[in-house]
């Protein structure tokens, strides 16, 4: 099953979106500095199960404009809102499910908070944001986006941050976008966690890896305590 690539007008310029399948819409938002192709396999599985997947490229990736450096999380959520309004029939706006991985679930929760009319439910894959990772993990995350590192050193950083023991980190050896990550990091720093933490009134499913080093599992526990 092939993608259809559609360009939507975003807040900072064009946004490239990959659409696959037919049925209820599921929007998929990737991790920090990562592209929509991280969801290729999941998108195929969802389409085969009768869903229509929409995968916007983050600012600065593919045909999506990078835009200004100084942004807030609301700006990224507004991008996704524009995508939903452009690609989901208006009669289905309030029935959309949005899936966010790692950084993507921060945008997902902000979207559900400031555009509740567009979102029915959210799925949070690796639910971070409130409790910070250990300093050495944060340092390894910065190293992931350092293009001067040798391949082995870079892969070690990727493994440290994102992969539990027994998993092959080589699948994420490439596909990193430092400029996108820098803009997204600015959005994180300029936006209070409390403003997006509870995902508004949307239904929430948290999928939290027990060995997650960067999205510390205690974050998921804290969220459940807040929203019940």
N, C-alpha and C. Protein backbone atom coordinates (compact mmCIF):
# COMPACT_ATOMS: atom_id res chain seq x y z
N UNK A 1 0.84 -1.18 0.00
CA UNK A 1 0.00 0.00 0.00
C UNK A 1 0.89 1.25 0.00
N UNK A 2 0.68 2.13 -0.98
CA UNK A 2 1.55 3.28 -1.15
C UNK A 2 1.01 4.52 -0.47
N UNK A 3 1.94 5.43 -0.15
CA UNK A 3 1.56 6.73 0.40
C UNK A 3 1.11 7.67 -0.71
N UNK A 4 0.24 8.60 -0.34
CA UNK A 4 -0.04 9.78 -1.14
C UNK A 4 0.58 10.95 -0.39
N UNK A 5 1.42 11.72 -1.06
CA UNK A 5 2.07 12.87 -0.42
C UNK A 5 1.30 14.13 -0.75
N UNK A 6 0.90 14.85 0.28
CA UNK A 6 0.08 16.06 0.14
C UNK A 6 0.77 17.19 0.90
N UNK A 7 0.78 18.38 0.31
CA UNK A 7 1.35 19.55 0.98
C UNK A 7 0.23 20.41 1.54
N UNK A 8 0.38 20.77 2.81
CA UNK A 8 -0.60 21.59 3.52
C UNK A 8 0.06 22.90 3.91
N UNK A 9 -0.71 23.98 3.91
CA UNK A 9 -0.19 25.27 4.37
C UNK A 9 -0.04 25.25 5.88
N UNK A 10 1.20 25.40 6.36
CA UNK A 10 1.46 25.43 7.80
C UNK A 10 1.69 26.83 8.31
N UNK A 11 1.94 26.94 9.60
CA UNK A 11 2.13 28.25 10.19
C UNK A 11 3.40 28.93 9.75
N UNK A 12 4.41 28.16 9.31
CA UNK A 12 5.69 28.73 8.89
C UNK A 12 5.99 28.44 7.43
N UNK A 13 5.00 27.94 6.69
CA UNK A 13 5.23 27.55 5.31
C UNK A 13 4.63 26.19 5.05
N UNK A 14 5.01 25.55 3.95
CA UNK A 14 4.42 24.25 3.60
C UNK A 14 4.76 23.15 4.59
N UNK A 15 3.82 22.22 4.74
CA UNK A 15 4.01 21.02 5.55
C UNK A 15 3.76 19.81 4.66
N UNK A 16 4.75 18.95 4.54
CA UNK A 16 4.61 17.74 3.74
C UNK A 16 3.97 16.64 4.58
N UNK A 17 2.94 16.01 4.03
CA UNK A 17 2.21 14.96 4.76
C UNK A 17 2.11 13.71 3.90
N UNK A 18 2.27 12.56 4.55
CA UNK A 18 2.13 11.27 3.88
C UNK A 18 0.84 10.62 4.37
N UNK A 19 -0.01 10.26 3.43
CA UNK A 19 -1.33 9.71 3.75
C UNK A 19 -1.44 8.31 3.18
N UNK A 20 -1.97 7.39 3.99
CA UNK A 20 -2.07 5.99 3.56
C UNK A 20 -3.37 5.39 4.08
N UNK A 21 -4.07 4.64 3.22
CA UNK A 21 -5.24 3.89 3.64
C UNK A 21 -6.53 4.69 3.62
N UNK A 22 -7.61 4.02 4.02
CA UNK A 22 -8.93 4.62 4.10
C UNK A 22 -9.58 4.19 5.41
N UNK A 23 -10.40 5.09 5.97
CA UNK A 23 -11.07 4.79 7.23
C UNK A 23 -10.89 5.92 8.22
N UNK A 24 -11.15 5.67 9.50
CA UNK A 24 -10.95 6.69 10.53
C UNK A 24 -9.51 7.18 10.53
N UNK A 25 -9.33 8.48 10.74
CA UNK A 25 -8.00 9.08 10.63
C UNK A 25 -7.18 8.92 11.91
N UNK A 26 -5.91 8.57 11.72
CA UNK A 26 -4.93 8.49 12.81
C UNK A 26 -3.72 9.32 12.39
N UNK A 27 -3.41 10.35 13.16
CA UNK A 27 -2.25 11.20 12.89
C UNK A 27 -1.07 10.70 13.71
N UNK A 28 0.10 10.58 13.08
CA UNK A 28 1.29 10.02 13.72
C UNK A 28 2.40 11.07 13.76
N UNK A 29 2.89 11.39 14.97
CA UNK A 29 3.90 12.43 15.15
C UNK A 29 5.18 11.81 15.72
N UNK A 30 6.32 11.98 15.04
CA UNK A 30 7.56 11.30 15.43
C UNK A 30 8.31 11.97 16.57
N UNK A 31 9.42 11.37 16.92
CA UNK A 31 10.26 11.79 18.03
C UNK A 31 11.10 13.02 17.66
N UNK A 32 11.88 13.49 18.63
CA UNK A 32 12.72 14.68 18.47
C UNK A 32 13.67 14.54 17.28
N UNK A 33 13.57 15.49 16.35
CA UNK A 33 14.49 15.49 15.22
C UNK A 33 14.38 14.30 14.31
N UNK A 34 13.24 13.65 14.29
CA UNK A 34 13.03 12.46 13.47
C UNK A 34 11.93 12.73 12.44
N UNK A 35 11.96 11.95 11.34
CA UNK A 35 11.00 12.13 10.27
C UNK A 35 9.83 11.17 10.34
N UNK A 36 8.86 11.42 9.47
CA UNK A 36 7.63 10.64 9.45
C UNK A 36 7.86 9.18 9.08
N UNK A 37 8.98 8.88 8.41
CA UNK A 37 9.21 7.50 7.97
C UNK A 37 9.49 6.55 9.13
N UNK A 38 9.72 7.08 10.32
CA UNK A 38 9.81 6.20 11.49
C UNK A 38 8.53 5.39 11.67
N UNK A 39 7.43 5.90 11.15
CA UNK A 39 6.14 5.24 11.32
C UNK A 39 5.73 4.43 10.09
N UNK A 40 6.66 4.14 9.19
CA UNK A 40 6.31 3.38 7.98
C UNK A 40 5.63 2.06 8.31
N UNK A 41 6.23 1.28 9.20
CA UNK A 41 5.69 -0.03 9.52
C UNK A 41 4.34 0.08 10.22
N UNK A 42 4.26 0.95 11.23
CA UNK A 42 3.00 1.11 11.95
C UNK A 42 1.92 1.65 11.04
N UNK A 43 2.29 2.56 10.15
CA UNK A 43 1.32 3.11 9.21
C UNK A 43 0.74 2.02 8.32
N UNK A 44 1.59 1.13 7.85
CA UNK A 44 1.13 0.02 7.02
C UNK A 44 0.17 -0.88 7.79
N UNK A 45 0.53 -1.20 9.02
CA UNK A 45 -0.31 -2.08 9.83
C UNK A 45 -1.68 -1.44 10.11
N UNK A 46 -1.66 -0.14 10.40
CA UNK A 46 -2.93 0.55 10.67
C UNK A 46 -3.79 0.62 9.41
N UNK A 47 -3.16 0.90 8.27
CA UNK A 47 -3.92 0.96 7.02
C UNK A 47 -4.54 -0.39 6.70
N UNK A 48 -3.78 -1.45 6.92
CA UNK A 48 -4.31 -2.80 6.67
C UNK A 48 -5.44 -3.15 7.62
N UNK A 49 -5.46 -2.51 8.78
CA UNK A 49 -6.52 -2.75 9.76
C UNK A 49 -7.74 -1.86 9.55
N UNK A 50 -7.70 -1.01 8.51
CA UNK A 50 -8.88 -0.21 8.18
C UNK A 50 -8.83 1.23 8.63
N UNK A 51 -7.63 1.76 8.87
CA UNK A 51 -7.48 3.15 9.27
C UNK A 51 -6.79 3.95 8.17
N UNK A 52 -6.97 5.25 8.23
CA UNK A 52 -6.28 6.18 7.32
C UNK A 52 -5.22 6.92 8.14
N UNK A 53 -3.96 6.71 7.80
CA UNK A 53 -2.89 7.33 8.58
C UNK A 53 -2.41 8.60 7.90
N UNK A 54 -2.12 9.60 8.72
CA UNK A 54 -1.61 10.89 8.25
C UNK A 54 -0.32 11.16 9.01
N UNK A 55 0.79 11.28 8.27
CA UNK A 55 2.10 11.47 8.91
C UNK A 55 2.71 12.78 8.42
N UNK A 56 2.54 13.86 9.18
CA UNK A 56 3.18 15.12 8.79
C UNK A 56 4.69 15.06 9.04
N UNK A 57 5.45 15.61 8.13
CA UNK A 57 6.88 15.80 8.38
C UNK A 57 7.05 17.00 9.30
N UNK A 58 7.90 16.87 10.30
CA UNK A 58 8.17 17.98 11.20
C UNK A 58 8.84 19.13 10.44
N UNK A 59 8.79 20.31 11.01
CA UNK A 59 9.42 21.47 10.39
C UNK A 59 10.90 21.19 10.09
N UNK A 60 11.29 21.49 8.84
CA UNK A 60 12.68 21.31 8.45
C UNK A 60 13.00 19.95 7.87
N UNK A 61 12.02 19.08 7.72
CA UNK A 61 12.24 17.74 7.18
C UNK A 61 11.43 17.57 5.90
N UNK A 62 12.05 16.99 4.88
CA UNK A 62 11.36 16.79 3.61
C UNK A 62 10.90 18.11 3.02
N UNK A 63 9.64 18.17 2.65
CA UNK A 63 9.08 19.38 2.08
C UNK A 63 8.49 20.34 3.08
N UNK A 64 8.71 20.11 4.37
CA UNK A 64 8.18 20.99 5.41
C UNK A 64 9.17 22.11 5.71
N UNK A 65 8.70 23.35 5.69
CA UNK A 65 9.56 24.50 5.95
C UNK A 65 10.03 24.50 7.40
N UNK A 66 11.28 24.93 7.62
CA UNK A 66 11.82 24.99 8.98
C UNK A 66 11.20 26.12 9.78
N UNK A 67 11.05 27.28 9.17
CA UNK A 67 10.46 28.42 9.86
C UNK A 67 11.42 29.05 10.85
N UNK A 68 10.92 29.93 11.70
CA UNK A 68 11.79 30.65 12.65
C UNK A 68 12.30 29.75 13.76
N UNK A 69 13.41 30.18 14.37
CA UNK A 69 13.98 29.42 15.48
C UNK A 69 13.19 29.61 16.76
N UNK A 70 12.66 30.81 16.97
CA UNK A 70 11.98 31.15 18.23
C UNK A 70 10.51 30.79 18.14
N UNK A 71 10.17 29.60 18.63
CA UNK A 71 8.78 29.16 18.60
C UNK A 71 8.42 28.54 19.94
N UNK A 72 7.13 28.30 20.12
CA UNK A 72 6.61 27.62 21.31
C UNK A 72 5.90 26.35 20.88
N UNK A 73 5.56 25.52 21.86
CA UNK A 73 4.89 24.26 21.56
C UNK A 73 3.55 24.51 20.87
N UNK A 74 2.91 25.62 21.18
CA UNK A 74 1.63 25.95 20.53
C UNK A 74 1.78 26.05 19.02
N UNK A 75 2.92 26.56 18.55
CA UNK A 75 3.14 26.70 17.11
C UNK A 75 3.18 25.34 16.42
N UNK A 76 3.83 24.38 17.05
CA UNK A 76 3.90 23.04 16.48
C UNK A 76 2.55 22.35 16.53
N UNK A 77 1.80 22.57 17.60
CA UNK A 77 0.45 22.01 17.69
C UNK A 77 -0.46 22.63 16.64
N UNK A 78 -0.28 23.93 16.39
CA UNK A 78 -1.08 24.59 15.36
C UNK A 78 -0.79 24.00 13.98
N UNK A 79 0.47 23.61 13.73
CA UNK A 79 0.78 22.94 12.46
C UNK A 79 -0.07 21.69 12.29
N UNK A 80 -0.16 20.89 13.33
CA UNK A 80 -0.93 19.64 13.25
C UNK A 80 -2.41 19.95 13.10
N UNK A 81 -2.88 20.99 13.76
CA UNK A 81 -4.28 21.39 13.61
C UNK A 81 -4.58 21.75 12.16
N UNK A 82 -3.66 22.45 11.52
CA UNK A 82 -3.84 22.80 10.10
C UNK A 82 -3.90 21.54 9.24
N UNK A 83 -3.08 20.57 9.57
CA UNK A 83 -3.08 19.31 8.82
C UNK A 83 -4.42 18.60 8.96
N UNK A 84 -4.93 18.53 10.18
CA UNK A 84 -6.22 17.86 10.40
C UNK A 84 -7.33 18.58 9.65
N UNK A 85 -7.36 19.90 9.75
CA UNK A 85 -8.42 20.65 9.07
C UNK A 85 -8.34 20.50 7.55
N UNK A 86 -7.14 20.32 7.03
CA UNK A 86 -6.97 20.20 5.58
C UNK A 86 -7.25 18.80 5.07
N UNK A 87 -6.94 17.78 5.87
CA UNK A 87 -6.96 16.41 5.36
C UNK A 87 -8.04 15.51 5.95
N UNK A 88 -8.69 15.96 7.01
CA UNK A 88 -9.77 15.18 7.63
C UNK A 88 -11.09 15.88 7.34
N UNK A 89 -12.11 15.17 6.86
CA UNK A 89 -13.40 15.80 6.63
C UNK A 89 -13.91 16.49 7.90
N UNK A 90 -14.51 17.66 7.73
CA UNK A 90 -14.94 18.45 8.89
C UNK A 90 -15.88 17.66 9.80
N UNK A 91 -16.69 16.79 9.23
CA UNK A 91 -17.62 16.00 10.04
C UNK A 91 -16.90 15.00 10.93
N UNK A 92 -15.59 14.79 10.69
CA UNK A 92 -14.82 13.82 11.48
C UNK A 92 -13.72 14.48 12.32
N UNK A 93 -13.69 15.80 12.38
CA UNK A 93 -12.63 16.48 13.10
C UNK A 93 -12.52 16.00 14.55
N UNK A 94 -13.65 15.88 15.21
CA UNK A 94 -13.63 15.50 16.62
C UNK A 94 -13.44 14.02 16.86
N UNK A 95 -13.20 13.25 15.79
CA UNK A 95 -13.04 11.80 15.93
C UNK A 95 -11.60 11.34 15.66
N UNK A 96 -10.71 12.27 15.50
CA UNK A 96 -9.33 11.95 15.13
C UNK A 96 -8.53 11.44 16.32
N UNK A 97 -7.76 10.39 16.09
CA UNK A 97 -6.80 9.91 17.08
C UNK A 97 -5.41 10.40 16.68
N UNK A 98 -4.66 10.89 17.66
CA UNK A 98 -3.31 11.39 17.39
C UNK A 98 -2.33 10.58 18.23
N UNK A 99 -1.33 10.01 17.56
CA UNK A 99 -0.29 9.20 18.21
C UNK A 99 1.01 9.99 18.20
N UNK A 100 1.63 10.15 19.37
CA UNK A 100 2.90 10.86 19.44
C UNK A 100 3.97 10.03 20.11
N UNK A 101 5.13 9.95 19.47
CA UNK A 101 6.26 9.22 20.05
C UNK A 101 7.23 10.20 20.69
N UNK A 102 7.53 10.01 21.97
CA UNK A 102 8.52 10.82 22.69
C UNK A 102 8.20 12.31 22.53
N UNK A 103 9.08 13.11 21.90
CA UNK A 103 8.76 14.53 21.72
C UNK A 103 7.41 14.70 21.04
N UNK A 104 7.09 13.83 20.11
CA UNK A 104 5.82 13.94 19.40
C UNK A 104 4.61 13.89 20.31
N UNK A 105 4.73 13.22 21.47
CA UNK A 105 3.54 13.18 22.34
C UNK A 105 3.38 14.47 23.12
N UNK A 106 4.43 15.29 23.20
CA UNK A 106 4.27 16.62 23.79
C UNK A 106 3.43 17.50 22.87
N UNK A 107 3.75 17.44 21.58
CA UNK A 107 2.95 18.17 20.60
C UNK A 107 1.52 17.64 20.58
N UNK A 108 1.39 16.33 20.68
CA UNK A 108 0.07 15.70 20.71
C UNK A 108 -0.78 16.23 21.85
N UNK A 109 -0.19 16.30 23.03
CA UNK A 109 -0.94 16.77 24.19
C UNK A 109 -1.26 18.26 24.11
N UNK A 110 -0.35 19.05 23.56
CA UNK A 110 -0.65 20.46 23.36
C UNK A 110 -1.78 20.64 22.36
N UNK A 111 -1.74 19.86 21.28
CA UNK A 111 -2.82 19.90 20.29
C UNK A 111 -4.16 19.60 20.94
N UNK A 112 -4.22 18.54 21.73
CA UNK A 112 -5.49 18.16 22.38
C UNK A 112 -5.95 19.22 23.37
N UNK A 113 -5.00 19.96 23.94
CA UNK A 113 -5.34 20.99 24.92
C UNK A 113 -5.90 22.24 24.26
N UNK A 114 -5.26 22.72 23.19
CA UNK A 114 -5.68 24.00 22.60
C UNK A 114 -6.61 23.84 21.40
N UNK A 115 -6.74 22.62 20.89
CA UNK A 115 -7.67 22.36 19.79
C UNK A 115 -8.52 21.13 20.12
N UNK A 116 -9.26 21.16 21.22
CA UNK A 116 -10.02 19.98 21.64
C UNK A 116 -11.09 19.57 20.64
N UNK A 117 -11.51 20.51 19.80
CA UNK A 117 -12.55 20.19 18.83
C UNK A 117 -12.05 19.27 17.72
N UNK A 118 -10.74 19.09 17.63
CA UNK A 118 -10.16 18.28 16.55
C UNK A 118 -9.75 16.88 16.98
N UNK A 119 -9.68 16.63 18.28
CA UNK A 119 -9.07 15.40 18.79
C UNK A 119 -10.05 14.62 19.65
N UNK A 120 -10.17 13.33 19.36
CA UNK A 120 -10.98 12.44 20.20
C UNK A 120 -10.12 11.76 21.25
N UNK A 121 -8.97 11.23 20.82
CA UNK A 121 -8.12 10.48 21.73
C UNK A 121 -6.66 10.64 21.33
N UNK A 122 -5.77 10.43 22.30
CA UNK A 122 -4.34 10.50 22.03
C UNK A 122 -3.67 9.24 22.55
N UNK A 123 -2.63 8.82 21.84
CA UNK A 123 -1.81 7.68 22.25
C UNK A 123 -0.39 8.21 22.45
N UNK A 124 0.14 8.02 23.65
CA UNK A 124 1.45 8.56 24.01
C UNK A 124 2.45 7.42 24.08
N UNK A 125 3.38 7.39 23.14
CA UNK A 125 4.43 6.37 23.10
C UNK A 125 5.68 6.95 23.74
N UNK A 126 5.99 6.51 24.95
CA UNK A 126 7.10 7.08 25.74
C UNK A 126 6.71 8.45 26.24
N UNK A 127 6.20 8.47 27.45
CA UNK A 127 5.50 9.64 27.99
C UNK A 127 6.41 10.46 28.90
N UNK A 128 7.24 11.32 28.31
CA UNK A 128 8.16 12.12 29.10
C UNK A 128 7.68 13.54 29.32
N UNK A 129 8.57 14.34 29.92
CA UNK A 129 8.30 15.76 30.02
C UNK A 129 8.38 16.38 31.39
N UNK A 130 7.94 15.68 32.42
CA UNK A 130 7.86 16.27 33.75
C UNK A 130 9.10 15.92 34.59
N UNK A 131 9.44 14.66 34.62
CA UNK A 131 10.62 14.20 35.37
C UNK A 131 11.76 14.01 34.38
N UNK A 132 12.87 14.69 34.62
CA UNK A 132 13.97 14.72 33.65
C UNK A 132 14.83 13.44 33.74
N UNK A 133 15.46 13.09 32.63
CA UNK A 133 16.37 11.94 32.64
C UNK A 133 17.66 12.28 33.38
N UNK A 134 18.46 11.27 33.65
CA UNK A 134 19.75 11.48 34.29
C UNK A 134 20.66 12.33 33.40
N UNK A 135 21.58 13.10 33.98
CA UNK A 135 22.45 13.98 33.19
C UNK A 135 23.20 13.27 32.07
N UNK A 136 23.67 12.05 32.33
CA UNK A 136 24.42 11.35 31.29
C UNK A 136 23.54 10.93 30.11
N UNK A 137 22.25 10.73 30.38
CA UNK A 137 21.31 10.41 29.30
C UNK A 137 21.03 11.66 28.47
N UNK A 138 20.86 12.79 29.15
CA UNK A 138 20.66 14.06 28.44
C UNK A 138 21.88 14.39 27.57
N UNK A 139 23.07 14.11 28.07
CA UNK A 139 24.29 14.34 27.29
C UNK A 139 24.34 13.43 26.07
N UNK A 140 23.92 12.19 26.24
CA UNK A 140 23.90 11.25 25.11
C UNK A 140 22.89 11.69 24.06
N UNK A 141 21.77 12.27 24.50
CA UNK A 141 20.78 12.78 23.54
C UNK A 141 21.38 13.90 22.70
N UNK A 142 22.12 14.80 23.33
CA UNK A 142 22.79 15.86 22.57
C UNK A 142 23.78 15.26 21.57
N UNK A 143 24.47 14.20 21.97
CA UNK A 143 25.45 13.56 21.09
C UNK A 143 24.80 12.93 19.87
N UNK A 144 23.56 12.49 20.01
CA UNK A 144 22.84 11.88 18.90
C UNK A 144 22.78 12.84 17.71
N UNK A 145 22.72 14.14 17.99
CA UNK A 145 22.59 15.14 16.92
C UNK A 145 23.92 15.80 16.55
N UNK A 146 25.03 15.25 17.04
CA UNK A 146 26.36 15.78 16.75
C UNK A 146 26.91 15.10 15.51
N UNK A 147 26.91 15.81 14.40
CA UNK A 147 27.33 15.23 13.12
C UNK A 147 28.84 15.02 13.02
N UNK A 148 29.60 15.52 13.99
CA UNK A 148 31.06 15.34 13.96
C UNK A 148 31.50 14.01 14.56
N UNK A 149 30.61 13.29 15.20
CA UNK A 149 30.98 12.04 15.85
C UNK A 149 31.21 10.93 14.83
N UNK A 150 32.09 10.02 15.16
CA UNK A 150 32.26 8.83 14.34
C UNK A 150 31.04 7.93 14.43
N UNK A 151 30.91 7.03 13.45
CA UNK A 151 29.70 6.20 13.38
C UNK A 151 29.50 5.36 14.63
N UNK A 152 30.56 4.76 15.14
CA UNK A 152 30.42 3.90 16.32
C UNK A 152 30.03 4.71 17.55
N UNK A 153 30.66 5.87 17.74
CA UNK A 153 30.34 6.71 18.89
C UNK A 153 28.91 7.21 18.81
N UNK A 154 28.51 7.59 17.60
CA UNK A 154 27.13 8.05 17.41
C UNK A 154 26.13 6.95 17.71
N UNK A 155 26.40 5.75 17.21
CA UNK A 155 25.49 4.64 17.44
C UNK A 155 25.41 4.29 18.92
N UNK A 156 26.52 4.41 19.62
CA UNK A 156 26.51 4.17 21.07
C UNK A 156 25.58 5.15 21.77
N UNK A 157 25.59 6.42 21.33
CA UNK A 157 24.70 7.42 21.92
C UNK A 157 23.25 7.09 21.62
N UNK A 158 22.96 6.70 20.39
CA UNK A 158 21.59 6.31 20.03
C UNK A 158 21.13 5.15 20.89
N UNK A 159 21.99 4.16 21.05
CA UNK A 159 21.65 2.98 21.85
C UNK A 159 21.38 3.37 23.31
N UNK A 160 22.20 4.23 23.85
CA UNK A 160 22.06 4.65 25.25
C UNK A 160 20.73 5.34 25.50
N UNK A 161 20.32 6.19 24.57
CA UNK A 161 19.13 7.01 24.77
C UNK A 161 17.85 6.25 24.44
N UNK A 162 17.85 5.48 23.36
CA UNK A 162 16.59 5.02 22.80
C UNK A 162 16.35 3.51 22.80
N UNK A 163 17.35 2.69 23.10
CA UNK A 163 17.18 1.25 22.91
C UNK A 163 17.46 0.47 24.18
N UNK A 164 16.51 -0.39 24.53
CA UNK A 164 16.68 -1.28 25.68
C UNK A 164 17.65 -2.41 25.30
N UNK A 165 18.24 -3.07 26.29
CA UNK A 165 19.15 -4.18 26.01
C UNK A 165 18.49 -5.24 25.13
N UNK A 166 19.28 -5.75 24.17
CA UNK A 166 18.78 -6.80 23.29
C UNK A 166 18.14 -6.30 22.02
N UNK A 167 18.08 -4.96 21.83
CA UNK A 167 17.49 -4.39 20.63
C UNK A 167 18.58 -3.77 19.75
N UNK A 168 18.35 -3.77 18.45
CA UNK A 168 19.35 -3.34 17.48
C UNK A 168 19.21 -1.84 17.20
N UNK A 169 20.13 -1.05 17.73
CA UNK A 169 20.08 0.40 17.55
C UNK A 169 20.43 0.83 16.13
N UNK A 170 20.99 -0.08 15.32
CA UNK A 170 21.41 0.28 13.97
C UNK A 170 20.25 0.74 13.09
N UNK A 171 19.03 0.35 13.44
CA UNK A 171 17.88 0.77 12.63
C UNK A 171 17.66 2.28 12.73
N UNK A 172 18.25 2.92 13.75
CA UNK A 172 18.18 4.37 13.90
C UNK A 172 19.56 5.00 13.74
N UNK A 173 20.40 4.38 12.96
CA UNK A 173 21.74 4.93 12.75
C UNK A 173 21.70 6.25 11.99
N UNK A 174 20.68 6.42 11.15
CA UNK A 174 20.54 7.68 10.42
C UNK A 174 19.11 8.20 10.58
N UNK A 175 18.77 9.24 9.83
CA UNK A 175 17.44 9.82 9.95
C UNK A 175 17.33 10.89 11.02
N UNK A 176 18.47 11.52 11.36
CA UNK A 176 18.50 12.56 12.39
C UNK A 176 18.59 13.94 11.75
N UNK A 177 17.81 14.89 12.28
CA UNK A 177 17.74 16.24 11.72
C UNK A 177 18.05 17.26 12.81
N UNK A 178 19.33 17.65 12.95
CA UNK A 178 19.73 18.54 14.05
C UNK A 178 19.01 19.88 14.07
N UNK A 179 18.79 20.50 12.92
CA UNK A 179 18.13 21.81 12.92
C UNK A 179 16.68 21.69 13.38
N UNK A 180 16.02 20.64 12.96
CA UNK A 180 14.66 20.39 13.43
C UNK A 180 14.65 20.18 14.94
N UNK A 181 15.59 19.38 15.42
CA UNK A 181 15.67 19.12 16.86
C UNK A 181 15.93 20.40 17.65
N UNK A 182 16.75 21.30 17.10
CA UNK A 182 17.05 22.55 17.80
C UNK A 182 15.80 23.41 17.94
N UNK A 183 15.00 23.49 16.88
CA UNK A 183 13.76 24.27 16.94
C UNK A 183 12.78 23.63 17.92
N UNK A 184 12.68 22.32 17.88
CA UNK A 184 11.77 21.62 18.80
C UNK A 184 12.22 21.77 20.25
N UNK A 185 13.52 21.77 20.48
CA UNK A 185 14.03 21.96 21.83
C UNK A 185 13.71 23.35 22.34
N UNK A 186 13.80 24.35 21.46
CA UNK A 186 13.40 25.70 21.84
C UNK A 186 11.94 25.74 22.25
N UNK A 187 11.09 25.06 21.49
CA UNK A 187 9.66 25.02 21.83
C UNK A 187 9.45 24.40 23.20
N UNK A 188 10.21 23.37 23.52
CA UNK A 188 10.11 22.73 24.83
C UNK A 188 10.50 23.70 25.93
N UNK A 189 11.60 24.42 25.74
CA UNK A 189 12.12 25.30 26.78
C UNK A 189 11.24 26.53 27.01
N UNK A 190 10.53 26.96 25.98
CA UNK A 190 9.73 28.19 26.10
C UNK A 190 8.28 27.92 26.47
N UNK A 191 7.93 26.67 26.68
CA UNK A 191 6.54 26.31 26.98
C UNK A 191 6.47 25.56 28.29
N UNK A 192 5.63 26.02 29.20
CA UNK A 192 5.48 25.36 30.50
C UNK A 192 4.88 23.97 30.32
N UNK A 193 5.47 22.99 30.97
CA UNK A 193 4.97 21.61 30.89
C UNK A 193 3.50 21.55 31.30
N UNK A 194 3.14 22.30 32.32
CA UNK A 194 1.77 22.26 32.83
C UNK A 194 0.74 22.66 31.78
N UNK A 195 1.15 23.41 30.77
CA UNK A 195 0.21 23.89 29.77
C UNK A 195 -0.27 22.79 28.83
N UNK A 196 0.47 21.68 28.74
CA UNK A 196 0.07 20.60 27.84
C UNK A 196 0.01 19.23 28.51
N UNK A 197 0.42 19.14 29.76
CA UNK A 197 0.67 17.86 30.41
C UNK A 197 -0.52 16.91 30.37
N UNK A 198 -1.73 17.38 30.64
CA UNK A 198 -2.88 16.48 30.82
C UNK A 198 -3.65 16.20 29.54
N UNK A 199 -3.24 16.80 28.40
CA UNK A 199 -3.90 16.55 27.10
C UNK A 199 -5.34 17.01 27.06
N UNK A 200 -5.64 18.07 27.77
CA UNK A 200 -7.00 18.59 27.73
C UNK A 200 -8.01 17.58 28.22
N UNK A 201 -9.09 17.43 27.45
CA UNK A 201 -10.14 16.48 27.84
C UNK A 201 -10.15 15.22 26.98
N UNK A 202 -9.12 15.04 26.17
CA UNK A 202 -9.06 13.87 25.29
C UNK A 202 -8.85 12.59 26.09
N UNK A 203 -9.36 11.48 25.56
CA UNK A 203 -9.02 10.18 26.12
C UNK A 203 -7.55 9.90 25.86
N UNK A 204 -6.87 9.28 26.83
CA UNK A 204 -5.43 9.09 26.75
C UNK A 204 -5.07 7.62 26.95
N UNK A 205 -4.25 7.09 26.04
CA UNK A 205 -3.63 5.78 26.22
C UNK A 205 -2.12 6.00 26.29
N UNK A 206 -1.51 5.56 27.38
CA UNK A 206 -0.06 5.68 27.54
C UNK A 206 0.58 4.32 27.29
N UNK A 207 1.55 4.29 26.39
CA UNK A 207 2.36 3.09 26.15
C UNK A 207 3.78 3.44 26.60
N UNK A 208 4.15 2.97 27.78
CA UNK A 208 5.39 3.40 28.41
C UNK A 208 6.38 2.25 28.57
N UNK A 209 7.50 2.28 27.84
CA UNK A 209 8.52 1.24 28.01
C UNK A 209 9.13 1.30 29.41
N UNK A 210 9.28 0.16 30.03
CA UNK A 210 9.81 0.12 31.40
C UNK A 210 11.27 0.50 31.46
N UNK A 211 12.02 0.29 30.37
CA UNK A 211 13.45 0.57 30.36
C UNK A 211 13.79 1.90 29.70
N UNK A 212 12.80 2.75 29.48
CA UNK A 212 13.03 4.01 28.77
C UNK A 212 13.96 4.91 29.57
N UNK A 213 15.09 5.30 28.97
CA UNK A 213 16.07 6.12 29.67
C UNK A 213 15.79 7.61 29.54
N UNK A 214 15.20 8.02 28.41
CA UNK A 214 14.99 9.45 28.16
C UNK A 214 13.61 9.91 28.60
N UNK A 215 12.58 9.11 28.33
CA UNK A 215 11.23 9.39 28.84
C UNK A 215 11.04 8.52 30.08
N UNK A 216 11.49 9.05 31.19
CA UNK A 216 11.55 8.28 32.44
C UNK A 216 10.16 7.74 32.79
N UNK A 217 10.03 6.42 33.08
CA UNK A 217 8.72 5.83 33.32
C UNK A 217 7.90 6.51 34.41
N UNK A 218 8.55 7.15 35.38
CA UNK A 218 7.80 7.85 36.42
C UNK A 218 6.90 8.94 35.86
N UNK A 219 7.24 9.43 34.67
CA UNK A 219 6.36 10.41 34.02
C UNK A 219 4.98 9.82 33.74
N UNK A 220 4.96 8.58 33.26
CA UNK A 220 3.68 7.94 32.98
C UNK A 220 2.86 7.75 34.24
N UNK A 221 3.53 7.37 35.33
CA UNK A 221 2.85 7.22 36.61
C UNK A 221 2.27 8.55 37.05
N UNK A 222 3.05 9.61 36.91
CA UNK A 222 2.59 10.94 37.30
C UNK A 222 1.37 11.37 36.48
N UNK A 223 1.38 11.09 35.18
CA UNK A 223 0.26 11.47 34.33
C UNK A 223 -1.01 10.73 34.73
N UNK A 224 -0.89 9.44 34.99
CA UNK A 224 -2.06 8.66 35.42
C UNK A 224 -2.62 9.22 36.72
N UNK A 225 -1.75 9.64 37.62
CA UNK A 225 -2.21 10.23 38.88
C UNK A 225 -2.99 11.52 38.64
N UNK A 226 -2.60 12.27 37.62
CA UNK A 226 -3.25 13.55 37.34
C UNK A 226 -4.59 13.37 36.65
N UNK A 227 -4.64 12.50 35.64
CA UNK A 227 -5.86 12.40 34.83
C UNK A 227 -6.76 11.24 35.26
N UNK A 228 -6.25 10.33 36.10
CA UNK A 228 -7.07 9.24 36.59
C UNK A 228 -7.20 8.09 35.62
